[in-house]
C-alpha atoms as a PDB file:
ATOM      1  CA  MET A   1       0.000   0.000   0.000  1.00  0.00           C
ATOM      2  CA  ASP A   2       1.519   3.311  -1.023  1.00  0.00           C
ATOM      3  CA  GLU A   3       1.862   6.254   1.367  1.00  0.00           C
ATOM      4  CA  ASP A   4      -0.858   8.317  -0.331  1.00  0.00           C
ATOM      5  CA  LEU A   5      -3.371   5.500  -0.004  1.00  0.00           C
ATOM      6  CA  GLN A   6      -2.404   4.908   3.626  1.00  0.00           C
ATOM      7  CA  LEU A   7      -2.784   8.601   4.410  1.00  0.00           C
ATOM      8  CA  ARG A   8      -6.197   8.786   2.710  1.00  0.00           C
ATOM      9  CA  LYS A   9      -7.364   5.708   4.636  1.00  0.00           C
ATOM     10  CA  PHE A  10      -6.113   7.175   7.929  1.00  0.00           C
ATOM     11  CA  HIS A  11      -7.768  10.523   7.191  1.00  0.00           C
ATOM     12  CA  LYS A  12     -11.079   8.835   6.337  1.00  0.00           C
ATOM     13  CA  GLU A  13     -11.058   6.820   9.574  1.00  0.00           C
ATOM     14  CA  LEU A  14     -10.090   9.863  11.619  1.00  0.00           C
ATOM     15  CA  SER A  15     -12.694  12.165  10.093  1.00  0.00           C
ATOM     16  CA  SER A  16     -15.574   9.690  10.356  1.00  0.00           C
ATOM     17  CA  GLY A  17     -15.789  10.265  14.105  1.00  0.00           C
ATOM     18  CA  THR A  18     -15.130  13.976  14.076  1.00  0.00           C
ATOM     19  CA  VAL A  19     -17.692  15.150  11.506  1.00  0.00           C
ATOM     20  CA  SER A  20     -20.583  14.682  13.965  1.00  0.00           C
ATOM     21  CA  LEU A  21     -18.696  16.646  16.608  1.00  0.00           C
ATOM     22  CA  VAL A  22     -17.939  19.588  14.321  1.00  0.00           C
ATOM     23  CA  LEU A  23     -21.498  19.651  12.955  1.00  0.00           C
ATOM     24  CA  LEU A  24     -22.872  19.897  16.479  1.00  0.00           C
ATOM     25  CA  ALA A  25     -20.294  22.580  17.269  1.00  0.00           C
ATOM     26  CA  VAL A  26     -21.178  24.693  14.207  1.00  0.00           C
ATOM     27  CA  LEU A  27     -24.896  24.483  14.985  1.00  0.00           C
ATOM     28  CA  GLY A  28     -24.251  25.014  18.693  1.00  0.00           C
ATOM     29  CA  GLN A  29     -22.410  28.263  17.924  1.00  0.00           C
ATOM     30  CA  SER A  30     -25.003  29.529  15.437  1.00  0.00           C
ATOM     31  CA  ARG A  31     -27.679  31.915  16.642  1.00  0.00           C
ATOM     32  CA  GLN A  32     -30.083  30.707  13.964  1.00  0.00           C
ATOM     33  CA  PRO A  33     -30.884  27.455  12.146  1.00  0.00           C
ATOM     34  CA  MET A  34     -28.659  26.686   9.158  1.00  0.00           C
ATOM     35  CA  TYR A  35     -29.128  24.669   5.994  1.00  0.00           C
ATOM     36  CA  GLY A  36     -26.607  22.134   4.720  1.00  0.00           C
ATOM     37  CA  TYR A  37     -24.787  24.353   2.255  1.00  0.00           C
ATOM     38  CA  GLN A  38     -24.336  27.073   4.911  1.00  0.00           C
ATOM     39  CA  ILE A  39     -22.904  24.502   7.306  1.00  0.00           C
ATOM     40  CA  ALA A  40     -20.522  23.172   4.638  1.00  0.00           C
ATOM     41  CA  LYS A  41     -19.334  26.701   3.809  1.00  0.00           C
ATOM     42  CA  ARG A  42     -18.774  27.444   7.504  1.00  0.00           C
ATOM     43  CA  LEU A  43     -16.701  24.281   7.835  1.00  0.00           C
ATOM     44  CA  GLU A  44     -14.670  25.260   4.773  1.00  0.00           C
ATOM     45  CA  GLN A  45     -13.920  28.633   6.384  1.00  0.00           C
ATOM     46  CA  VAL A  46     -12.739  27.282   9.715  1.00  0.00           C
ATOM     47  CA  GLY A  47     -12.389  23.540   9.416  1.00  0.00           C
ATOM     48  CA  GLU A  48      -9.339  23.217   7.169  1.00  0.00           C
ATOM     49  CA  GLY A  49     -10.552  20.093   5.457  1.00  0.00           C
ATOM     50  CA  VAL A  50     -12.949  18.507   7.953  1.00  0.00           C
ATOM     51  CA  LEU A  51     -15.131  17.599   4.982  1.00  0.00           C
ATOM     52  CA  ALA A  52     -12.324  17.967   2.437  1.00  0.00           C
ATOM     53  CA  GLY A  53     -14.636  18.814  -0.443  1.00  0.00           C
ATOM     54  CA  LYS A  54     -17.089  16.038   0.354  1.00  0.00           C
ATOM     55  CA  GLN A  55     -20.202  18.067   1.076  1.00  0.00           C
ATOM     56  CA  SER A  56     -22.383  15.084   0.208  1.00  0.00           C
ATOM     57  CA  ALA A  57     -20.967  13.319   3.301  1.00  0.00           C
ATOM     58  CA  LEU A  58     -22.553  16.032   5.425  1.00  0.00           C
ATOM     59  CA  TYR A  59     -26.183  15.132   4.734  1.00  0.00           C
ATOM     60  CA  PRO A  60     -26.237  11.532   6.008  1.00  0.00           C
ATOM     61  CA  VAL A  61     -24.536  12.699   9.220  1.00  0.00           C
ATOM     62  CA  LEU A  62     -27.093  15.503   9.665  1.00  0.00           C
ATOM     63  CA  ARG A  63     -29.910  12.969   9.187  1.00  0.00           C
ATOM     64  CA  ASN A  64     -28.320  10.581  11.702  1.00  0.00           C
ATOM     65  CA  LEU A  65     -27.920  13.357  14.270  1.00  0.00           C
ATOM     66  CA  GLU A  66     -31.543  14.343  13.753  1.00  0.00           C
ATOM     67  CA  ALA A  67     -32.720  10.726  14.085  1.00  0.00           C
ATOM     68  CA  ALA A  68     -30.804  10.564  17.383  1.00  0.00           C
ATOM     69  CA  GLY A  69     -32.646  13.679  18.626  1.00  0.00           C
ATOM     70  CA  LEU A  70     -29.496  15.816  18.698  1.00  0.00           C
ATOM     71  CA  LEU A  71     -30.731  18.077  15.901  1.00  0.00           C
ATOM     72  CA  ALA A  72     -34.144  19.199  14.737  1.00  0.00           C
ATOM     73  CA  SER A  73     -35.010  20.474  11.281  1.00  0.00           C
ATOM     74  CA  GLU A  74     -37.672  22.336   9.367  1.00  0.00           C
ATOM     75  CA  VAL A  75     -38.157  22.669   5.633  1.00  0.00           C
ATOM     76  CA  GLU A  76     -38.720  26.199   4.359  1.00  0.00           C
ATOM     77  CA  PRO A  77     -39.435  27.347   0.816  1.00  0.00           C
ATOM     78  CA  SER A  78     -36.644  29.126  -1.019  1.00  0.00           C
ATOM     79  CA  THR A  79     -37.066  32.027  -3.411  1.00  0.00           C
ATOM     80  CA  SER A  80     -34.043  30.903  -5.430  1.00  0.00           C
ATOM     81  CA  GLY A  81     -34.591  27.158  -5.841  1.00  0.00           C
ATOM     82  CA  PRO A  82     -35.899  24.092  -4.075  1.00  0.00           C
ATOM     83  CA  PRO A  83     -37.022  24.196  -0.429  1.00  0.00           C
ATOM     84  CA  ARG A  84     -34.228  24.152   2.154  1.00  0.00           C
ATOM     85  CA  ARG A  85     -33.995  22.055   5.286  1.00  0.00           C
ATOM     86  CA  TYR A  86     -32.779  24.171   8.210  1.00  0.00           C
ATOM     87  CA  TYR A  87     -31.136  22.422  11.167  1.00  0.00           C
ATOM     88  CA  ARG A  88     -30.811  23.564  14.764  1.00  0.00           C
ATOM     89  CA  ILE A  89     -29.227  21.900  17.759  1.00  0.00           C
ATOM     90  CA  THR A  90     -31.556  20.523  20.449  1.00  0.00           C
ATOM     91  CA  ARG A  91     -31.065  20.457  24.212  1.00  0.00           C
ATOM     92  CA  PRO A  92     -29.875  16.807  24.063  1.00  0.00           C
ATOM     93  CA  GLY A  93     -27.609  17.915  21.209  1.00  0.00           C
ATOM     94  CA  ARG A  94     -26.029  20.567  23.445  1.00  0.00           C
ATOM     95  CA  GLU A  95     -25.515  17.952  26.170  1.00  0.00           C
ATOM     96  CA  ALA A  96     -23.921  15.586  23.651  1.00  0.00           C
ATOM     97  CA  LEU A  97     -21.724  18.423  22.359  1.00  0.00           C
ATOM     98  CA  ARG A  98     -20.405  19.071  25.874  1.00  0.00           C
ATOM     99  CA  ALA A  99     -19.712  15.364  26.488  1.00  0.00           C
ATOM    100  CA  TRP A 100     -18.159  14.787  23.065  1.00  0.00           C
ATOM    101  CA  THR A 101     -16.003  17.904  23.391  1.00  0.00           C
ATOM    102  CA  HIS A 102     -14.699  16.619  26.725  1.00  0.00           C
ATOM    103  CA  ALA A 103     -13.984  13.198  25.173  1.00  0.00           C
ATOM    104  CA  TRP A 104     -12.278  14.835  22.174  1.00  0.00           C
ATOM    105  CA  ASN A 105     -10.058  17.012  24.388  1.00  0.00           C
ATOM    106  CA  ALA A 106      -9.071  14.053  26.586  1.00  0.00           C
ATOM    107  CA  THR A 107      -8.273  11.919  23.532  1.00  0.00           C
ATOM    108  CA  ARG A 108      -6.347  14.722  21.820  1.00  0.00           C
ATOM    109  CA  ASP A 109      -4.312  15.407  24.962  1.00  0.00           C
ATOM    110  CA  SER A 110      -3.525  11.718  25.405  1.00  0.00           C
ATOM    111  CA  VAL A 111      -2.475  11.236  21.775  1.00  0.00           C
ATOM    112  CA  ASP A 112      -0.389  14.426  21.904  1.00  0.00           C
ATOM    113  CA  LYS A 113       1.477  13.102  24.948  1.00  0.00           C
ATOM    114  CA  VAL A 114       2.264   9.839  23.187  1.00  0.00           C
ATOM    115  CA  LEU A 115       3.348  11.585  19.982  1.00  0.00           C
ATOM    116  CA  GLN A 116       5.596  13.924  21.961  1.00  0.00           C
ATOM    117  CA  GLY A 117       7.154  11.035  23.862  1.00  0.00           C
ATOM    118  CA  GLU A 118       5.698  11.995  27.248  1.00  0.00           C
ATOM    119  CA  LEU A 119       4.966   8.457  28.413  1.00  0.00           C
END
């Protein structure tokens, strides 16, 4: 397996668990509901490749988070095209965001210690 393929595989495995976290974070920081394209653009601005050009990967994760009760959505008509589904974070979503952020920070700190040789 060449290095490029290994890196892509590693990146895919790493990002699969973090996309849900960053989606909750973006919606948790937003003062108003957002539709998928807005969320993707926000992630492009700050996320440095969280979705890496794979906006289509965003929608199944949004649906899964909604099915889990962490997000709620409403469809609203659009003047410039098809109706848009707007997502907002729910109270259980905010609780999950806090817990997942804590887990992320603990994991990141632990991995950083290992990578820096602080065993």
